Amino acid sequence: MPVDPMEFAERVGVELSTLLGRRAQEELLELSGEAQFSGALGASLLCVAQLLRAPVERGAAPATVAAIAARQLELLLTQLEPHTT
């Protein structure tokens, strides 16, 4: 039975986020909040860049591939609820 791509994305995305959060707590805890964010974001973007590498190597324009990824990221962020205290 084929795997649903969105179910896969949700399940594996949660796993990757958990691992990244754990690693950041272990290795970046002594850094400022901004430095922690920068390190975690850098690791995340490197992962995304590695995934986007294949279509670019097959000839897709990097700007096009990045724009598709940016639209998907924006869609995910628009689904978030504002943080209230």
N, C-alpha and C. Protein backbone atom coordinates (compact mmCIF):
# COMPACT_ATOMS: atom_id res chain seq x y z
N MET A 1 0.84 -1.17 0.00
CA MET A 1 0.00 0.00 0.00
C MET A 1 0.89 1.24 0.00
N PRO A 2 0.68 2.17 -0.92
CA PRO A 2 1.53 3.36 -1.00
C PRO A 2 1.33 4.27 0.22
N VAL A 3 2.40 4.95 0.58
CA VAL A 3 2.36 5.89 1.70
C VAL A 3 1.82 7.23 1.21
N ASP A 4 0.96 7.83 2.00
CA ASP A 4 0.45 9.17 1.69
C ASP A 4 1.57 10.18 1.92
N PRO A 5 1.92 10.99 0.92
CA PRO A 5 3.03 11.94 1.08
C PRO A 5 2.84 12.92 2.24
N MET A 6 1.62 13.36 2.47
CA MET A 6 1.39 14.30 3.56
C MET A 6 1.51 13.62 4.93
N GLU A 7 1.07 12.37 5.03
CA GLU A 7 1.23 11.62 6.28
C GLU A 7 2.71 11.41 6.54
N PHE A 8 3.45 11.06 5.50
CA PHE A 8 4.90 10.89 5.62
C PHE A 8 5.55 12.19 6.08
N ALA A 9 5.17 13.30 5.45
CA ALA A 9 5.75 14.60 5.78
C ALA A 9 5.50 14.94 7.24
N GLU A 10 4.28 14.72 7.71
CA GLU A 10 3.94 15.03 9.09
C GLU A 10 4.73 14.16 10.07
N ARG A 11 4.75 12.86 9.81
CA ARG A 11 5.42 11.92 10.72
C ARG A 11 6.92 12.17 10.76
N VAL A 12 7.54 12.26 9.62
CA VAL A 12 8.99 12.42 9.56
C VAL A 12 9.39 13.84 9.98
N GLY A 13 8.56 14.82 9.64
CA GLY A 13 8.83 16.19 10.07
C GLY A 13 8.88 16.32 11.58
N VAL A 14 7.94 15.66 12.26
CA VAL A 14 7.93 15.67 13.73
C VAL A 14 9.18 14.99 14.27
N GLU A 15 9.57 13.86 13.66
CA GLU A 15 10.78 13.15 14.09
C GLU A 15 12.02 14.04 13.93
N LEU A 16 12.15 14.69 12.78
CA LEU A 16 13.31 15.56 12.54
C LEU A 16 13.32 16.75 13.49
N SER A 17 12.15 17.34 13.72
CA SER A 17 12.06 18.48 14.64
C SER A 17 12.44 18.07 16.06
N THR A 18 12.00 16.91 16.48
CA THR A 18 12.33 16.41 17.81
C THR A 18 13.83 16.20 17.94
N LEU A 19 14.43 15.56 16.94
CA LEU A 19 15.87 15.32 16.97
C LEU A 19 16.64 16.64 16.96
N LEU A 20 16.24 17.57 16.12
CA LEU A 20 16.92 18.86 16.06
C LEU A 20 16.78 19.61 17.39
N GLY A 21 15.59 19.61 17.97
CA GLY A 21 15.39 20.27 19.25
C GLY A 21 16.25 19.66 20.35
N ARG A 22 16.33 18.35 20.38
CA ARG A 22 17.14 17.66 21.38
C ARG A 22 18.62 18.00 21.21
N ARG A 23 19.09 17.96 19.95
CA ARG A 23 20.48 18.29 19.66
C ARG A 23 20.80 19.73 20.02
N ALA A 24 19.89 20.64 19.72
CA ALA A 24 20.10 22.05 20.03
C ALA A 24 20.21 22.25 21.54
N GLN A 25 19.36 21.56 22.31
CA GLN A 25 19.42 21.67 23.76
C GLN A 25 20.74 21.13 24.30
N GLU A 26 21.22 20.05 23.71
CA GLU A 26 22.46 19.44 24.17
C GLU A 26 23.69 20.27 23.81
N GLU A 27 23.70 20.84 22.61
CA GLU A 27 24.92 21.45 22.10
C GLU A 27 24.90 22.97 22.05
N LEU A 28 23.74 23.58 22.04
CA LEU A 28 23.66 25.03 21.88
C LEU A 28 23.16 25.74 23.13
N LEU A 29 22.92 25.01 24.19
CA LEU A 29 22.30 25.56 25.40
C LEU A 29 23.07 26.75 25.97
N GLU A 30 24.38 26.74 25.86
CA GLU A 30 25.19 27.81 26.44
C GLU A 30 25.17 29.09 25.60
N LEU A 31 24.65 29.02 24.37
CA LEU A 31 24.62 30.17 23.49
C LEU A 31 23.39 31.02 23.74
N SER A 32 23.41 32.25 23.26
CA SER A 32 22.25 33.14 23.37
C SER A 32 21.09 32.56 22.58
N GLY A 33 19.89 33.05 22.87
CA GLY A 33 18.70 32.58 22.15
C GLY A 33 18.83 32.80 20.65
N GLU A 34 19.39 33.95 20.27
CA GLU A 34 19.56 34.25 18.85
C GLU A 34 20.54 33.28 18.19
N ALA A 35 21.62 32.95 18.89
CA ALA A 35 22.60 32.01 18.35
C ALA A 35 22.01 30.60 18.26
N GLN A 36 21.19 30.23 19.25
CA GLN A 36 20.53 28.92 19.20
C GLN A 36 19.62 28.85 17.99
N PHE A 37 18.83 29.92 17.78
CA PHE A 37 17.93 29.98 16.64
C PHE A 37 18.70 29.90 15.34
N SER A 38 19.79 30.65 15.25
CA SER A 38 20.61 30.67 14.05
C SER A 38 21.17 29.28 13.73
N GLY A 39 21.66 28.59 14.75
CA GLY A 39 22.21 27.25 14.55
C GLY A 39 21.14 26.26 14.11
N ALA A 40 19.99 26.29 14.77
CA ALA A 40 18.91 25.37 14.42
C ALA A 40 18.36 25.67 13.03
N LEU A 41 18.20 26.95 12.71
CA LEU A 41 17.73 27.31 11.38
C LEU A 41 18.74 26.91 10.31
N GLY A 42 20.00 27.13 10.57
CA GLY A 42 21.04 26.72 9.63
C GLY A 42 21.01 25.22 9.36
N ALA A 43 20.85 24.42 10.40
CA ALA A 43 20.78 22.97 10.24
C ALA A 43 19.55 22.58 9.43
N SER A 44 18.43 23.24 9.70
CA SER A 44 17.20 22.95 8.97
C SER A 44 17.33 23.31 7.50
N LEU A 45 17.91 24.47 7.23
CA LEU A 45 18.06 24.90 5.83
C LEU A 45 19.05 24.02 5.07
N LEU A 46 20.07 23.56 5.76
CA LEU A 46 21.01 22.64 5.10
C LEU A 46 20.30 21.35 4.70
N CYS A 47 19.42 20.86 5.55
CA CYS A 47 18.63 19.67 5.24
C CYS A 47 17.75 19.92 4.02
N VAL A 48 17.07 21.07 4.01
CA VAL A 48 16.21 21.42 2.87
C VAL A 48 17.04 21.54 1.60
N ALA A 49 18.19 22.21 1.69
CA ALA A 49 19.05 22.38 0.52
C ALA A 49 19.50 21.03 -0.03
N GLN A 50 19.78 20.10 0.85
CA GLN A 50 20.19 18.76 0.38
C GLN A 50 19.05 18.08 -0.38
N LEU A 51 17.81 18.27 0.09
CA LEU A 51 16.67 17.69 -0.59
C LEU A 51 16.42 18.35 -1.95
N LEU A 52 16.67 19.65 -2.03
CA LEU A 52 16.43 20.39 -3.27
C LEU A 52 17.56 20.23 -4.27
N ARG A 53 18.64 19.66 -3.84
CA ARG A 53 19.81 19.49 -4.70
C ARG A 53 19.51 18.65 -5.94
N ALA A 54 18.78 17.55 -5.76
CA ALA A 54 18.50 16.64 -6.88
C ALA A 54 17.77 17.33 -8.03
N PRO A 55 16.67 18.07 -7.78
CA PRO A 55 16.03 18.72 -8.91
C PRO A 55 16.92 19.77 -9.58
N VAL A 56 17.73 20.45 -8.81
CA VAL A 56 18.64 21.45 -9.40
C VAL A 56 19.68 20.75 -10.25
N GLU A 57 20.20 19.63 -9.77
CA GLU A 57 21.18 18.88 -10.56
C GLU A 57 20.57 18.31 -11.84
N ARG A 58 19.25 18.09 -11.83
CA ARG A 58 18.57 17.60 -13.04
C ARG A 58 18.21 18.75 -13.98
N GLY A 59 18.52 19.99 -13.59
CA GLY A 59 18.32 21.11 -14.49
C GLY A 59 17.29 22.14 -14.08
N ALA A 60 16.59 21.91 -12.97
CA ALA A 60 15.62 22.91 -12.51
C ALA A 60 16.36 24.16 -12.05
N ALA A 61 15.77 25.30 -12.33
CA ALA A 61 16.38 26.56 -11.91
C ALA A 61 16.35 26.67 -10.39
N PRO A 62 17.47 26.99 -9.74
CA PRO A 62 17.48 27.11 -8.29
C PRO A 62 16.43 28.08 -7.77
N ALA A 63 16.21 29.18 -8.46
CA ALA A 63 15.21 30.16 -8.00
C ALA A 63 13.81 29.56 -8.01
N THR A 64 13.51 28.74 -9.01
CA THR A 64 12.20 28.11 -9.11
C THR A 64 12.00 27.11 -7.96
N VAL A 65 13.01 26.29 -7.73
CA VAL A 65 12.93 25.30 -6.67
C VAL A 65 12.81 25.98 -5.30
N ALA A 66 13.59 27.04 -5.10
CA ALA A 66 13.53 27.78 -3.84
C ALA A 66 12.16 28.45 -3.67
N ALA A 67 11.58 28.95 -4.74
CA ALA A 67 10.27 29.60 -4.67
C ALA A 67 9.19 28.58 -4.28
N ILE A 68 9.27 27.38 -4.82
CA ILE A 68 8.30 26.34 -4.46
C ILE A 68 8.43 26.01 -2.97
N ALA A 69 9.66 25.86 -2.50
CA ALA A 69 9.88 25.58 -1.08
C ALA A 69 9.39 26.73 -0.21
N ALA A 70 9.63 27.96 -0.64
CA ALA A 70 9.19 29.13 0.12
C ALA A 70 7.67 29.18 0.22
N ARG A 71 6.98 28.85 -0.87
CA ARG A 71 5.50 28.85 -0.82
C ARG A 71 5.00 27.80 0.15
N GLN A 72 5.61 26.63 0.14
CA GLN A 72 5.18 25.58 1.07
C GLN A 72 5.46 25.99 2.52
N LEU A 73 6.60 26.61 2.77
CA LEU A 73 6.92 27.08 4.12
C LEU A 73 5.93 28.15 4.57
N GLU A 74 5.62 29.07 3.68
CA GLU A 74 4.66 30.13 4.02
C GLU A 74 3.30 29.52 4.36
N LEU A 75 2.87 28.53 3.59
CA LEU A 75 1.60 27.87 3.87
C LEU A 75 1.61 27.22 5.25
N LEU A 76 2.69 26.55 5.59
CA LEU A 76 2.80 25.92 6.92
C LEU A 76 2.76 26.97 8.02
N LEU A 77 3.42 28.10 7.81
CA LEU A 77 3.45 29.14 8.83
C LEU A 77 2.11 29.84 8.99
N THR A 78 1.34 29.97 7.92
CA THR A 78 0.04 30.63 8.02
C THR A 78 -0.95 29.77 8.81
N GLN A 79 -0.66 28.51 8.96
CA GLN A 79 -1.55 27.62 9.72
C GLN A 79 -1.30 27.70 11.22
N LEU A 80 -0.27 28.43 11.64
CA LEU A 80 0.06 28.55 13.06
C LEU A 80 -0.87 29.56 13.73
N GLU A 81 -1.14 29.31 14.97
CA GLU A 81 -1.92 30.25 15.78
C GLU A 81 -0.94 31.20 16.46
N PRO A 82 -1.29 32.48 16.56
CA PRO A 82 -0.41 33.42 17.27
C PRO A 82 -0.24 33.00 18.73
N HIS A 83 0.96 33.17 19.25
CA HIS A 83 1.26 32.85 20.63
C HIS A 83 0.74 33.95 21.54
N THR A 84 -0.10 33.60 22.48
CA THR A 84 -0.62 34.59 23.43
C THR A 84 -0.22 34.15 24.83
N THR A 85 0.01 35.14 25.68
CA THR A 85 0.40 34.82 27.06
C THR A 85 -0.69 35.15 28.03
